[in-house]
C-alpha atoms as a PDB file:
ATOM      1  CA  UNK A   1     -16.154   0.431 -22.416  1.00  0.00           C
ATOM      2  CA  UNK A   2     -13.414   2.252 -20.473  1.00  0.00           C
ATOM      3  CA  UNK A   3     -12.346   3.719 -17.420  1.00  0.00           C
ATOM      4  CA  UNK A   4      -9.813   6.930 -16.775  1.00  0.00           C
ATOM      5  CA  UNK A   5      -8.860   8.449 -13.530  1.00  0.00           C
ATOM      6  CA  UNK A   6      -5.884  10.333 -12.223  1.00  0.00           C
ATOM      7  CA  UNK A   7      -4.272  10.142  -8.737  1.00  0.00           C
ATOM      8  CA  UNK A   8      -1.245  12.052  -6.834  1.00  0.00           C
ATOM      9  CA  UNK A   9       1.560  10.704  -4.977  1.00  0.00           C
ATOM     10  CA  UNK A  10       4.529  12.975  -4.911  1.00  0.00           C
ATOM     11  CA  UNK A  11       3.743  13.397  -8.571  1.00  0.00           C
ATOM     12  CA  UNK A  12       0.501  13.829 -10.429  1.00  0.00           C
ATOM     13  CA  UNK A  13      -0.657  10.914 -12.864  1.00  0.00           C
ATOM     14  CA  UNK A  14      -3.516  10.758 -15.423  1.00  0.00           C
ATOM     15  CA  UNK A  15      -4.678   7.501 -17.547  1.00  0.00           C
ATOM     16  CA  UNK A  16      -6.871   4.807 -18.724  1.00  0.00           C
ATOM     17  CA  UNK A  17      -7.664   1.667 -19.742  1.00  0.00           C
ATOM     18  CA  UNK A  18      -9.210   0.911 -23.618  1.00  0.00           C
ATOM     19  CA  UNK A  19     -11.577  -1.445 -23.331  1.00  0.00           C
ATOM     20  CA  UNK A  20     -12.712  -2.448 -26.921  1.00  0.00           C
ATOM     21  CA  UNK A  21     -13.139  -5.624 -28.755  1.00  0.00           C
ATOM     22  CA  UNK A  22     -10.865  -4.757 -31.696  1.00  0.00           C
ATOM     23  CA  UNK A  23      -7.994  -2.510 -31.997  1.00  0.00           C
ATOM     24  CA  UNK A  24      -6.803   0.283 -34.335  1.00  0.00           C
ATOM     25  CA  UNK A  25      -3.247   0.081 -34.400  1.00  0.00           C
ATOM     26  CA  UNK A  26      -2.661   2.493 -31.360  1.00  0.00           C
ATOM     27  CA  UNK A  27       0.604   4.083 -31.414  1.00  0.00           C
ATOM     28  CA  UNK A  28       2.148   6.721 -28.165  1.00  0.00           C
ATOM     29  CA  UNK A  29       2.645  10.002 -30.343  1.00  0.00           C
ATOM     30  CA  UNK A  30       4.307  13.108 -29.242  1.00  0.00           C
ATOM     31  CA  UNK A  31       3.169  16.353 -31.083  1.00  0.00           C
ATOM     32  CA  UNK A  32       5.758  19.000 -31.077  1.00  0.00           C
ATOM     33  CA  UNK A  33       5.267  22.453 -30.401  1.00  0.00           C
ATOM     34  CA  UNK A  34       5.633  23.160 -34.268  1.00  0.00           C
ATOM     35  CA  UNK A  35       3.444  20.861 -35.938  1.00  0.00           C
ATOM     36  CA  UNK A  36       0.253  22.442 -37.476  1.00  0.00           C
ATOM     37  CA  UNK A  37      -3.262  21.141 -36.184  1.00  0.00           C
ATOM     38  CA  UNK A  38      -5.407  22.093 -39.174  1.00  0.00           C
ATOM     39  CA  UNK A  39      -9.143  22.287 -37.813  1.00  0.00           C
ATOM     40  CA  UNK A  40     -12.124  22.280 -39.499  1.00  0.00           C
ATOM     41  CA  UNK A  41     -13.979  25.375 -38.399  1.00  0.00           C
ATOM     42  CA  UNK A  42     -12.029  27.092 -35.475  1.00  0.00           C
ATOM     43  CA  UNK A  43      -8.455  28.519 -36.577  1.00  0.00           C
ATOM     44  CA  UNK A  44      -5.564  26.162 -37.119  1.00  0.00           C
ATOM     45  CA  UNK A  45      -3.027  25.597 -34.278  1.00  0.00           C
ATOM     46  CA  UNK A  46       0.210  26.730 -35.671  1.00  0.00           C
ATOM     47  CA  UNK A  47       2.132  26.509 -32.986  1.00  0.00           C
ATOM     48  CA  UNK A  48       1.040  25.029 -29.350  1.00  0.00           C
ATOM     49  CA  UNK A  49       1.670  23.268 -25.998  1.00  0.00           C
ATOM     50  CA  UNK A  50       3.279  19.785 -27.095  1.00  0.00           C
ATOM     51  CA  UNK A  51       1.454  16.831 -26.257  1.00  0.00           C
ATOM     52  CA  UNK A  52       1.725  12.981 -25.363  1.00  0.00           C
ATOM     53  CA  UNK A  53      -0.919  10.701 -25.783  1.00  0.00           C
ATOM     54  CA  UNK A  54      -2.414   7.019 -27.400  1.00  0.00           C
ATOM     55  CA  UNK A  55      -3.533   7.696 -30.577  1.00  0.00           C
ATOM     56  CA  UNK A  56      -4.618   6.336 -34.130  1.00  0.00           C
ATOM     57  CA  UNK A  57      -2.675   8.566 -36.936  1.00  0.00           C
ATOM     58  CA  UNK A  58      -4.458   8.686 -39.959  1.00  0.00           C
ATOM     59  CA  UNK A  59      -3.086  10.731 -42.817  1.00  0.00           C
ATOM     60  CA  UNK A  60      -0.187  12.549 -40.615  1.00  0.00           C
ATOM     61  CA  UNK A  61      -3.040  13.500 -38.217  1.00  0.00           C
ATOM     62  CA  UNK A  62      -3.158  12.339 -34.595  1.00  0.00           C
ATOM     63  CA  UNK A  63      -6.637  11.214 -33.260  1.00  0.00           C
ATOM     64  CA  UNK A  64      -5.830  11.327 -29.675  1.00  0.00           C
ATOM     65  CA  UNK A  65      -7.514   8.884 -27.088  1.00  0.00           C
ATOM     66  CA  UNK A  66      -5.664  10.369 -24.130  1.00  0.00           C
ATOM     67  CA  UNK A  67      -3.368  13.025 -23.399  1.00  0.00           C
ATOM     68  CA  UNK A  68      -1.307  15.011 -21.684  1.00  0.00           C
ATOM     69  CA  UNK A  69       0.660  18.539 -22.462  1.00  0.00           C
ATOM     70  CA  UNK A  70       3.970  19.859 -21.542  1.00  0.00           C
ATOM     71  CA  UNK A  71       1.780  22.126 -18.827  1.00  0.00           C
ATOM     72  CA  UNK A  72       0.067  18.994 -17.157  1.00  0.00           C
ATOM     73  CA  UNK A  73      -3.453  19.341 -18.477  1.00  0.00           C
ATOM     74  CA  UNK A  74      -4.536  15.921 -19.207  1.00  0.00           C
ATOM     75  CA  UNK A  75      -7.652  14.608 -21.163  1.00  0.00           C
ATOM     76  CA  UNK A  76      -9.034  11.457 -22.191  1.00  0.00           C
ATOM     77  CA  UNK A  77     -12.291  10.679 -24.478  1.00  0.00           C
ATOM     78  CA  UNK A  78     -14.477   7.606 -23.742  1.00  0.00           C
ATOM     79  CA  UNK A  79     -17.244   5.618 -24.976  1.00  0.00           C
ATOM     80  CA  UNK A  80     -20.679   7.563 -24.562  1.00  0.00           C
ATOM     81  CA  UNK A  81     -23.330   5.425 -26.802  1.00  0.00           C
ATOM     82  CA  UNK A  82     -26.681   6.115 -27.003  1.00  0.00           C
ATOM     83  CA  UNK A  83     -26.332  10.077 -24.717  1.00  0.00           C
ATOM     84  CA  UNK A  84     -23.436  11.600 -27.251  1.00  0.00           C
ATOM     85  CA  UNK A  85     -25.463  14.185 -29.504  1.00  0.00           C
ATOM     86  CA  UNK A  86     -23.363  16.327 -31.801  1.00  0.00           C
ATOM     87  CA  UNK A  87     -24.495  19.732 -33.146  1.00  0.00           C
ATOM     88  CA  UNK A  88     -24.988  21.384 -36.427  1.00  0.00           C
ATOM     89  CA  UNK A  89     -22.616  24.685 -37.025  1.00  0.00           C
ATOM     90  CA  UNK A  90     -23.484  27.220 -34.812  1.00  0.00           C
ATOM     91  CA  UNK A  91     -22.685  30.936 -35.396  1.00  0.00           C
ATOM     92  CA  UNK A  92     -20.847  32.746 -32.531  1.00  0.00           C
ATOM     93  CA  UNK A  93     -19.155  29.918 -31.091  1.00  0.00           C
ATOM     94  CA  UNK A  94     -16.202  27.880 -31.664  1.00  0.00           C
ATOM     95  CA  UNK A  95     -17.166  24.850 -33.680  1.00  0.00           C
ATOM     96  CA  UNK A  96     -14.549  22.547 -32.646  1.00  0.00           C
ATOM     97  CA  UNK A  97     -15.085  18.748 -33.825  1.00  0.00           C
ATOM     98  CA  UNK A  98     -15.027  15.904 -31.304  1.00  0.00           C
ATOM     99  CA  UNK A  99     -12.021  14.593 -33.014  1.00  0.00           C
ATOM    100  CA  UNK A 100      -9.878  18.024 -32.710  1.00  0.00           C
ATOM    101  CA  UNK A 101     -11.556  18.500 -29.255  1.00  0.00           C
ATOM    102  CA  UNK A 102      -8.152  16.973 -27.213  1.00  0.00           C
ATOM    103  CA  UNK A 103      -5.646  18.915 -29.306  1.00  0.00           C
ATOM    104  CA  UNK A 104      -7.638  22.350 -29.088  1.00  0.00           C
ATOM    105  CA  UNK A 105      -7.616  21.690 -25.380  1.00  0.00           C
ATOM    106  CA  UNK A 106      -4.631  20.552 -24.455  1.00  0.00           C
ATOM    107  CA  UNK A 107      -2.640  22.905 -27.359  1.00  0.00           C
ATOM    108  CA  UNK A 108      -3.982  26.338 -25.836  1.00  0.00           C
ATOM    109  CA  UNK A 109      -4.783  25.431 -22.146  1.00  0.00           C
ATOM    110  CA  UNK A 110      -2.402  24.808 -18.995  1.00  0.00           C
ATOM    111  CA  UNK A 111      -5.271  24.048 -16.319  1.00  0.00           C
ATOM    112  CA  UNK A 112      -8.964  23.064 -16.123  1.00  0.00           C
ATOM    113  CA  UNK A 113      -9.908  26.464 -15.153  1.00  0.00           C
ATOM    114  CA  UNK A 114      -9.193  27.843 -18.301  1.00  0.00           C
ATOM    115  CA  UNK A 115     -10.216  24.877 -20.009  1.00  0.00           C
ATOM    116  CA  UNK A 116     -13.839  25.457 -18.138  1.00  0.00           C
ATOM    117  CA  UNK A 117     -13.873  29.197 -19.612  1.00  0.00           C
ATOM    118  CA  UNK A 118     -12.929  28.155 -23.356  1.00  0.00           C
ATOM    119  CA  UNK A 119     -15.990  25.735 -23.069  1.00  0.00           C
ATOM    120  CA  UNK A 120     -18.682  28.385 -22.416  1.00  0.00           C
ATOM    121  CA  UNK A 121     -17.904  29.543 -25.968  1.00  0.00           C
ATOM    122  CA  UNK A 122     -17.509  25.823 -27.557  1.00  0.00           C
ATOM    123  CA  UNK A 123     -19.939  23.426 -29.464  1.00  0.00           C
ATOM    124  CA  UNK A 124     -19.270  19.681 -30.067  1.00  0.00           C
ATOM    125  CA  UNK A 125     -19.971  20.013 -34.087  1.00  0.00           C
ATOM    126  CA  UNK A 126     -21.057  17.004 -35.908  1.00  0.00           C
ATOM    127  CA  UNK A 127     -18.447  16.369 -38.586  1.00  0.00           C
ATOM    128  CA  UNK A 128     -16.177  13.373 -39.086  1.00  0.00           C
ATOM    129  CA  UNK A 129     -12.725  12.809 -39.769  1.00  0.00           C
ATOM    130  CA  UNK A 130     -13.580  10.496 -42.767  1.00  0.00           C
ATOM    131  CA  UNK A 131     -15.609   8.111 -44.168  1.00  0.00           C
ATOM    132  CA  UNK A 132     -13.121   5.614 -42.780  1.00  0.00           C
ATOM    133  CA  UNK A 133     -13.222   7.309 -39.116  1.00  0.00           C
ATOM    134  CA  UNK A 134     -16.793   8.410 -38.190  1.00  0.00           C
ATOM    135  CA  UNK A 135     -17.191  10.267 -34.703  1.00  0.00           C
ATOM    136  CA  UNK A 136     -17.479   8.028 -32.070  1.00  0.00           C
ATOM    137  CA  UNK A 137     -20.217   8.907 -29.290  1.00  0.00           C
ATOM    138  CA  UNK A 138     -17.653  10.272 -26.519  1.00  0.00           C
ATOM    139  CA  UNK A 139     -17.910  12.362 -23.323  1.00  0.00           C
ATOM    140  CA  UNK A 140     -14.007  13.248 -21.971  1.00  0.00           C
ATOM    141  CA  UNK A 141     -12.421  14.055 -18.482  1.00  0.00           C
ATOM    142  CA  UNK A 142     -10.076  16.852 -18.604  1.00  0.00           C
ATOM    143  CA  UNK A 143      -7.881  16.993 -15.545  1.00  0.00           C
ATOM    144  CA  UNK A 144      -4.959  18.655 -13.852  1.00  0.00           C
ATOM    145  CA  UNK A 145      -3.097  18.215 -10.163  1.00  0.00           C
ATOM    146  CA  UNK A 146      -5.870  20.599  -8.674  1.00  0.00           C
ATOM    147  CA  UNK A 147      -9.347  19.336 -10.214  1.00  0.00           C
ATOM    148  CA  UNK A 148     -11.534  17.474 -12.832  1.00  0.00           C
ATOM    149  CA  UNK A 149     -14.141  17.835 -14.864  1.00  0.00           C
ATOM    150  CA  UNK A 150     -16.390  15.861 -17.184  1.00  0.00           C
ATOM    151  CA  UNK A 151     -17.794  17.579 -20.317  1.00  0.00           C
ATOM    152  CA  UNK A 152     -20.921  15.972 -22.188  1.00  0.00           C
ATOM    153  CA  UNK A 153     -22.335  17.302 -25.396  1.00  0.00           C
ATOM    154  CA  UNK A 154     -25.946  15.506 -25.205  1.00  0.00           C
ATOM    155  CA  UNK A 155     -29.420  16.489 -26.865  1.00  0.00           C
ATOM    156  CA  UNK A 156     -29.919  19.570 -24.449  1.00  0.00           C
ATOM    157  CA  UNK A 157     -26.705  21.351 -24.656  1.00  0.00           C
ATOM    158  CA  UNK A 158     -22.804  20.917 -23.718  1.00  0.00           C
ATOM    159  CA  UNK A 159     -22.719  19.878 -19.937  1.00  0.00           C
ATOM    160  CA  UNK A 160     -19.893  20.110 -17.761  1.00  0.00           C
ATOM    161  CA  UNK A 161     -19.457  18.801 -14.698  1.00  0.00           C
ATOM    162  CA  UNK A 162     -17.344  19.220 -11.600  1.00  0.00           C
ATOM    163  CA  UNK A 163     -15.769  15.869 -11.221  1.00  0.00           C
ATOM    164  CA  UNK A 164     -14.656  15.187  -7.555  1.00  0.00           C
ATOM    165  CA  UNK A 165     -13.546  11.426  -7.631  1.00  0.00           C
ATOM    166  CA  UNK A 166     -11.428  12.052 -10.539  1.00  0.00           C
ATOM    167  CA  UNK A 167     -12.581   9.391 -12.473  1.00  0.00           C
ATOM    168  CA  UNK A 168     -15.110   8.437 -15.592  1.00  0.00           C
ATOM    169  CA  UNK A 169     -16.306   5.592 -17.146  1.00  0.00           C
ATOM    170  CA  UNK A 170     -19.164   5.471 -19.887  1.00  0.00           C
ATOM    171  CA  UNK A 171     -23.037   5.559 -19.468  1.00  0.00           C
ATOM    172  CA  UNK A 172     -25.066   6.813 -18.134  1.00  0.00           C
ATOM    173  CA  UNK A 173     -24.823  10.606 -17.879  1.00  0.00           C
ATOM    174  CA  UNK A 174     -22.235  11.710 -15.219  1.00  0.00           C
ATOM    175  CA  UNK A 175     -24.691  13.361 -12.856  1.00  0.00           C
ATOM    176  CA  UNK A 176     -26.420  10.063 -12.939  1.00  0.00           C
ATOM    177  CA  UNK A 177     -22.852   8.111 -11.826  1.00  0.00           C
ATOM    178  CA  UNK A 178     -21.730  10.647  -9.102  1.00  0.00           C
ATOM    179  CA  UNK A 179     -25.726  10.132  -7.283  1.00  0.00           C
ATOM    180  CA  UNK A 180     -25.315   6.309  -7.355  1.00  0.00           C
ATOM    181  CA  UNK A 181     -22.432   6.542  -5.145  1.00  0.00           C
ATOM    182  CA  UNK A 182     -24.829   7.893  -2.405  1.00  0.00           C
ATOM    183  CA  UNK A 183     -25.764   4.174  -2.293  1.00  0.00           C
ATOM    184  CA  UNK A 184     -22.295   2.595  -1.095  1.00  0.00           C
ATOM    185  CA  UNK A 185     -21.852   5.285   1.529  1.00  0.00           C
ATOM    186  CA  UNK A 186     -21.185   2.737   4.139  1.00  0.00           C
ATOM    187  CA  UNK A 187     -18.439   0.740   2.686  1.00  0.00           C
ATOM    188  CA  UNK A 188     -15.171   1.086   4.286  1.00  0.00           C
ATOM    189  CA  UNK A 189     -11.704  -0.134   4.255  1.00  0.00           C
ATOM    190  CA  UNK A 190     -11.960  -1.356   7.671  1.00  0.00           C
ATOM    191  CA  UNK A 191     -13.501  -4.012   9.509  1.00  0.00           C
ATOM    192  CA  UNK A 192     -17.358  -3.331   9.781  1.00  0.00           C
ATOM    193  CA  UNK A 193     -19.457  -2.430  12.639  1.00  0.00           C
ATOM    194  CA  UNK A 194     -22.377  -4.078  14.121  1.00  0.00           C
ATOM    195  CA  UNK A 195     -25.707  -2.126  12.904  1.00  0.00           C
ATOM    196  CA  UNK A 196     -27.952  -4.901  12.393  1.00  0.00           C
ATOM    197  CA  UNK A 197     -29.226  -5.797  15.711  1.00  0.00           C
ATOM    198  CA  UNK A 198     -27.855  -5.529  19.573  1.00  0.00           C
ATOM    199  CA  UNK A 199     -29.393  -9.126  19.688  1.00  0.00           C
ATOM    200  CA  UNK A 200     -26.993 -10.579  17.368  1.00  0.00           C
ATOM    201  CA  UNK A 201     -23.203 -11.504  17.584  1.00  0.00           C
ATOM    202  CA  UNK A 202     -21.379 -11.493  14.042  1.00  0.00           C
ATOM    203  CA  UNK A 203     -18.030 -13.173  13.450  1.00  0.00           C
ATOM    204  CA  UNK A 204     -15.224 -11.160  11.417  1.00  0.00           C
ATOM    205  CA  UNK A 205     -14.394 -14.190   9.318  1.00  0.00           C
ATOM    206  CA  UNK A 206     -12.432 -12.561   6.727  1.00  0.00           C
ATOM    207  CA  UNK A 207     -10.300  -9.184   5.878  1.00  0.00           C
ATOM    208  CA  UNK A 208     -12.431  -6.948   3.334  1.00  0.00           C
ATOM    209  CA  UNK A 209     -15.480  -7.131   5.185  1.00  0.00           C
ATOM    210  CA  UNK A 210     -15.598  -3.450   5.498  1.00  0.00           C
ATOM    211  CA  UNK A 211     -16.438  -3.489   1.341  1.00  0.00           C
ATOM    212  CA  UNK A 212     -19.179  -6.158   1.355  1.00  0.00           C
ATOM    213  CA  UNK A 213     -21.559  -5.380  -1.663  1.00  0.00           C
ATOM    214  CA  UNK A 214     -19.267  -2.964  -3.867  1.00  0.00           C
ATOM    215  CA  UNK A 215     -19.632  -4.234  -7.043  1.00  0.00           C
ATOM    216  CA  UNK A 216     -17.030  -6.232  -8.787  1.00  0.00           C
ATOM    217  CA  UNK A 217     -19.200  -6.804 -12.361  1.00  0.00           C
ATOM    218  CA  UNK A 218     -17.718  -5.200 -15.710  1.00  0.00           C
ATOM    219  CA  UNK A 219     -20.506  -2.965 -16.442  1.00  0.00           C
ATOM    220  CA  UNK A 220     -19.800   0.767 -16.981  1.00  0.00           C
ATOM    221  CA  UNK A 221     -22.090   1.826 -13.453  1.00  0.00           C
ATOM    222  CA  UNK A 222     -20.387  -0.596 -11.313  1.00  0.00           C
ATOM    223  CA  UNK A 223     -16.659  -0.231 -12.537  1.00  0.00           C
ATOM    224  CA  UNK A 224     -17.352   3.414 -11.993  1.00  0.00           C
ATOM    225  CA  UNK A 225     -18.084   2.841  -7.948  1.00  0.00           C
ATOM    226  CA  UNK A 226     -15.111   0.052  -8.126  1.00  0.00           C
ATOM    227  CA  UNK A 227     -12.782   2.250  -9.204  1.00  0.00           C
ATOM    228  CA  UNK A 228     -13.631   5.109  -7.416  1.00  0.00           C
ATOM    229  CA  UNK A 229     -13.348   3.358  -4.438  1.00  0.00           C
ATOM    230  CA  UNK A 230     -10.122   1.695  -5.072  1.00  0.00           C
ATOM    231  CA  UNK A 231      -8.573   5.120  -6.065  1.00  0.00           C
ATOM    232  CA  UNK A 232      -9.794   7.110  -3.368  1.00  0.00           C
ATOM    233  CA  UNK A 233      -8.690   4.725  -0.842  1.00  0.00           C
ATOM    234  CA  UNK A 234      -5.496   4.226  -2.530  1.00  0.00           C
ATOM    235  CA  UNK A 235      -2.229   4.836  -0.833  1.00  0.00           C
ATOM    236  CA  UNK A 236       1.053   4.656  -2.485  1.00  0.00           C
ATOM    237  CA  UNK A 237       4.484   5.760  -1.741  1.00  0.00           C
ATOM    238  CA  UNK A 238       6.272   8.722  -3.266  1.00  0.00           C
ATOM    239  CA  UNK A 239       8.748   7.336  -5.802  1.00  0.00           C
ATOM    240  CA  UNK A 240       8.200   6.861  -9.251  1.00  0.00           C
ATOM    241  CA  UNK A 241       8.322   3.241  -9.109  1.00  0.00           C
ATOM    242  CA  UNK A 242       6.080   2.886  -6.649  1.00  0.00           C
ATOM    243  CA  UNK A 243       3.477   5.337  -7.565  1.00  0.00           C
ATOM    244  CA  UNK A 244       3.220   3.954 -11.399  1.00  0.00           C
ATOM    245  CA  UNK A 245       2.548   0.524  -9.833  1.00  0.00           C
ATOM    246  CA  UNK A 246       0.074   1.770  -7.867  1.00  0.00           C
ATOM    247  CA  UNK A 247      -1.845   3.673 -10.339  1.00  0.00           C
ATOM    248  CA  UNK A 248      -1.547   0.437 -12.703  1.00  0.00           C
ATOM    249  CA  UNK A 249      -3.128  -1.471  -9.654  1.00  0.00           C
ATOM    250  CA  UNK A 250      -5.947   0.403  -9.674  1.00  0.00           C
ATOM    251  CA  UNK A 251      -6.822   0.594 -13.695  1.00  0.00           C
ATOM    252  CA  UNK A 252      -6.316  -3.507 -12.739  1.00  0.00           C
ATOM    253  CA  UNK A 253      -9.112  -3.181 -10.283  1.00  0.00           C
ATOM    254  CA  UNK A 254     -11.568  -2.574 -13.427  1.00  0.00           C
ATOM    255  CA  UNK A 255      -9.724  -4.348 -16.373  1.00  0.00           C
ATOM    256  CA  UNK A 256     -11.459  -6.556 -18.635  1.00  0.00           C
ATOM    257  CA  UNK A 257     -10.635 -10.233 -19.104  1.00  0.00           C
ATOM    258  CA  UNK A 258     -10.808 -11.932 -22.613  1.00  0.00           C
ATOM    259  CA  UNK A 259     -13.909 -14.460 -22.729  1.00  0.00           C
ATOM    260  CA  UNK A 260     -15.952 -12.438 -19.739  1.00  0.00           C
ATOM    261  CA  UNK A 261     -17.781  -9.723 -22.139  1.00  0.00           C
ATOM    262  CA  UNK A 262     -18.978 -11.472 -25.340  1.00  0.00           C
ATOM    263  CA  UNK A 263     -20.019  -9.290 -28.585  1.00  0.00           C
ATOM    264  CA  UNK A 264     -20.793 -12.108 -31.340  1.00  0.00           C
ATOM    265  CA  UNK A 265     -17.699 -13.600 -31.969  1.00  0.00           C
ATOM    266  CA  UNK A 266     -15.420 -11.285 -30.540  1.00  0.00           C
ATOM    267  CA  UNK A 267     -14.972 -10.158 -26.668  1.00  0.00           C
ATOM    268  CA  UNK A 268     -13.992  -6.755 -24.974  1.00  0.00           C
ATOM    269  CA  UNK A 269     -10.685  -6.647 -23.545  1.00  0.00           C
ATOM    270  CA  UNK A 270      -8.613  -4.320 -22.092  1.00  0.00           C
ATOM    271  CA  UNK A 271      -6.362  -3.543 -25.392  1.00  0.00           C
ATOM    272  CA  UNK A 272      -4.094  -0.980 -22.966  1.00  0.00           C
ATOM    273  CA  UNK A 273      -3.487   0.438 -19.664  1.00  0.00           C
ATOM    274  CA  UNK A 274      -1.813   3.993 -19.486  1.00  0.00           C
ATOM    275  CA  UNK A 275      -0.633   6.087 -16.803  1.00  0.00           C
ATOM    276  CA  UNK A 276       1.320   9.633 -18.017  1.00  0.00           C
ATOM    277  CA  UNK A 277       3.359  11.459 -15.004  1.00  0.00           C
ATOM    278  CA  UNK A 278       1.914  14.711 -15.919  1.00  0.00           C
ATOM    279  CA  UNK A 279       4.769  16.486 -14.235  1.00  0.00           C
ATOM    280  CA  UNK A 280       7.496  14.870 -15.912  1.00  0.00           C
ATOM    281  CA  UNK A 281       5.824  14.255 -19.008  1.00  0.00           C
ATOM    282  CA  UNK A 282       6.339  10.411 -19.009  1.00  0.00           C
ATOM    283  CA  UNK A 283       4.263   8.336 -21.088  1.00  0.00           C
ATOM    284  CA  UNK A 284       4.017   4.399 -19.536  1.00  0.00           C
ATOM    285  CA  UNK A 285       1.585   1.737 -20.568  1.00  0.00           C
ATOM    286  CA  UNK A 286       1.075  -1.896 -20.651  1.00  0.00           C
ATOM    287  CA  UNK A 287      -0.859  -3.994 -23.180  1.00  0.00           C
ATOM    288  CA  UNK A 288      -3.529  -6.929 -22.622  1.00  0.00           C
ATOM    289  CA  UNK A 289      -0.557  -9.195 -24.038  1.00  0.00           C
ATOM    290  CA  UNK A 290       2.341  -7.298 -22.351  1.00  0.00           C
ATOM    291  CA  UNK A 291       2.365  -6.891 -18.950  1.00  0.00           C
ATOM    292  CA  UNK A 292       5.786  -4.921 -18.591  1.00  0.00           C
ATOM    293  CA  UNK A 293       5.612  -0.896 -18.095  1.00  0.00           C
ATOM    294  CA  UNK A 294       6.799   0.547 -21.362  1.00  0.00           C
ATOM    295  CA  UNK A 295       8.087   4.336 -21.003  1.00  0.00           C
ATOM    296  CA  UNK A 296       8.010   7.272 -23.386  1.00  0.00           C
ATOM    297  CA  UNK A 297       9.246  10.310 -22.129  1.00  0.00           C
ATOM    298  CA  UNK A 298       8.258  13.632 -24.437  1.00  0.00           C
ATOM    299  CA  UNK A 299      11.273  15.514 -23.391  1.00  0.00           C
ATOM    300  CA  UNK A 300      13.721  13.287 -25.291  1.00  0.00           C
ATOM    301  CA  UNK A 301      12.840  14.578 -28.568  1.00  0.00           C
ATOM    302  CA  UNK A 302      13.085  18.040 -29.864  1.00  0.00           C
ATOM    303  CA  UNK A 303       9.726  19.433 -28.614  1.00  0.00           C
ATOM    304  CA  UNK A 304      10.258  22.422 -30.873  1.00  0.00           C
ATOM    305  CA  UNK A 305      10.004  20.440 -34.167  1.00  0.00           C
ATOM    306  CA  UNK A 306       7.101  20.588 -36.381  1.00  0.00           C
ATOM    307  CA  UNK A 307       7.028  16.491 -37.289  1.00  0.00           C
ATOM    308  CA  UNK A 308       4.937  13.780 -34.881  1.00  0.00           C
ATOM    309  CA  UNK A 309       7.301  10.903 -32.983  1.00  0.00           C
ATOM    310  CA  UNK A 310       4.956   8.174 -32.803  1.00  0.00           C
ATOM    311  CA  UNK A 311       6.043   4.917 -30.598  1.00  0.00           C
ATOM    312  CA  UNK A 312       4.065   1.738 -32.230  1.00  0.00           C
ATOM    313  CA  UNK A 313       2.910  -0.082 -28.911  1.00  0.00           C
ATOM    314  CA  UNK A 314       4.841  -2.914 -27.712  1.00  0.00           C
ATOM    315  CA  UNK A 315       2.477  -5.722 -27.684  1.00  0.00           C
ATOM    316  CA  UNK A 316       4.097  -8.991 -27.174  1.00  0.00           C
ATOM    317  CA  UNK A 317       4.742 -10.349 -23.451  1.00  0.00           C
ATOM    318  CA  UNK A 318       8.094  -9.534 -22.380  1.00  0.00           C
ATOM    319  CA  UNK A 319       9.423 -12.443 -19.903  1.00  0.00           C
ATOM    320  CA  UNK A 320      12.342 -11.780 -17.443  1.00  0.00           C
ATOM    321  CA  UNK A 321      14.009 -15.464 -18.057  1.00  0.00           C
ATOM    322  CA  UNK A 322      16.129 -15.852 -14.273  1.00  0.00           C
ATOM    323  CA  UNK A 323      17.703 -18.936 -14.568  1.00  0.00           C
END
């Protein structure tokens, strides 16, 4: 399971936790403008916006998990089992496969508004990348500095939701997740007021009592509530260091620790957490074993190239020995 969000301090930031029980040997990949994206049913993109994000690269093709383009538009796909439903090819529509969805959107568009308009003519079709990489059941968050949307291909068609919390986790469907926030309207960052009874006096025995009842478990619905509360009340300074630190703390509020979610003989963990400065095109990440922040700047390569630039993750713990 996973959590994706975005956050604005002075600059705008977008990122996610990838929570799984295994790794696909992820790497940060920059796709420059002249790398040709071959698509299965729609026209290939021979030139496009440059893209940076997390991928598995197979046969020279970047399979993006989350990414940002050079214009600041960002997108991430999150697990959506039991609800995702991909369609047969539909005449007269742009038939895009789920593994092509991120580059198809980020390669062409600069804003959520442009992406939303394109979705009216698009169908997510049931065509896998390869036998080794079958389609994953996903839904997506698309964000820019101004707004976010959620995209879900379900049995009754493609659903596009305004996303006022700028956040996505997994099941259930986004409309239910958003409605569930009504149950937490009394949550507060300040000390609670006594609405229980005028006949009783209550001691404010601890800081943080305004958030009593905020979920702390690792289920997707609970993570949605916890991350939304954390992100929407989060306060950061304007420096890059302060902002990325705050962003990773937001994701850290819902990270998965090894041993807490058992899947047979394996455990789901937060394999990586990412934070991209969408204004500057700098992609930051941490991994489960490496809590040091690593940065990759898309503008430090030739963005008019036609060759992928791929950076394997630094996964071993980096420790500063101070004496």
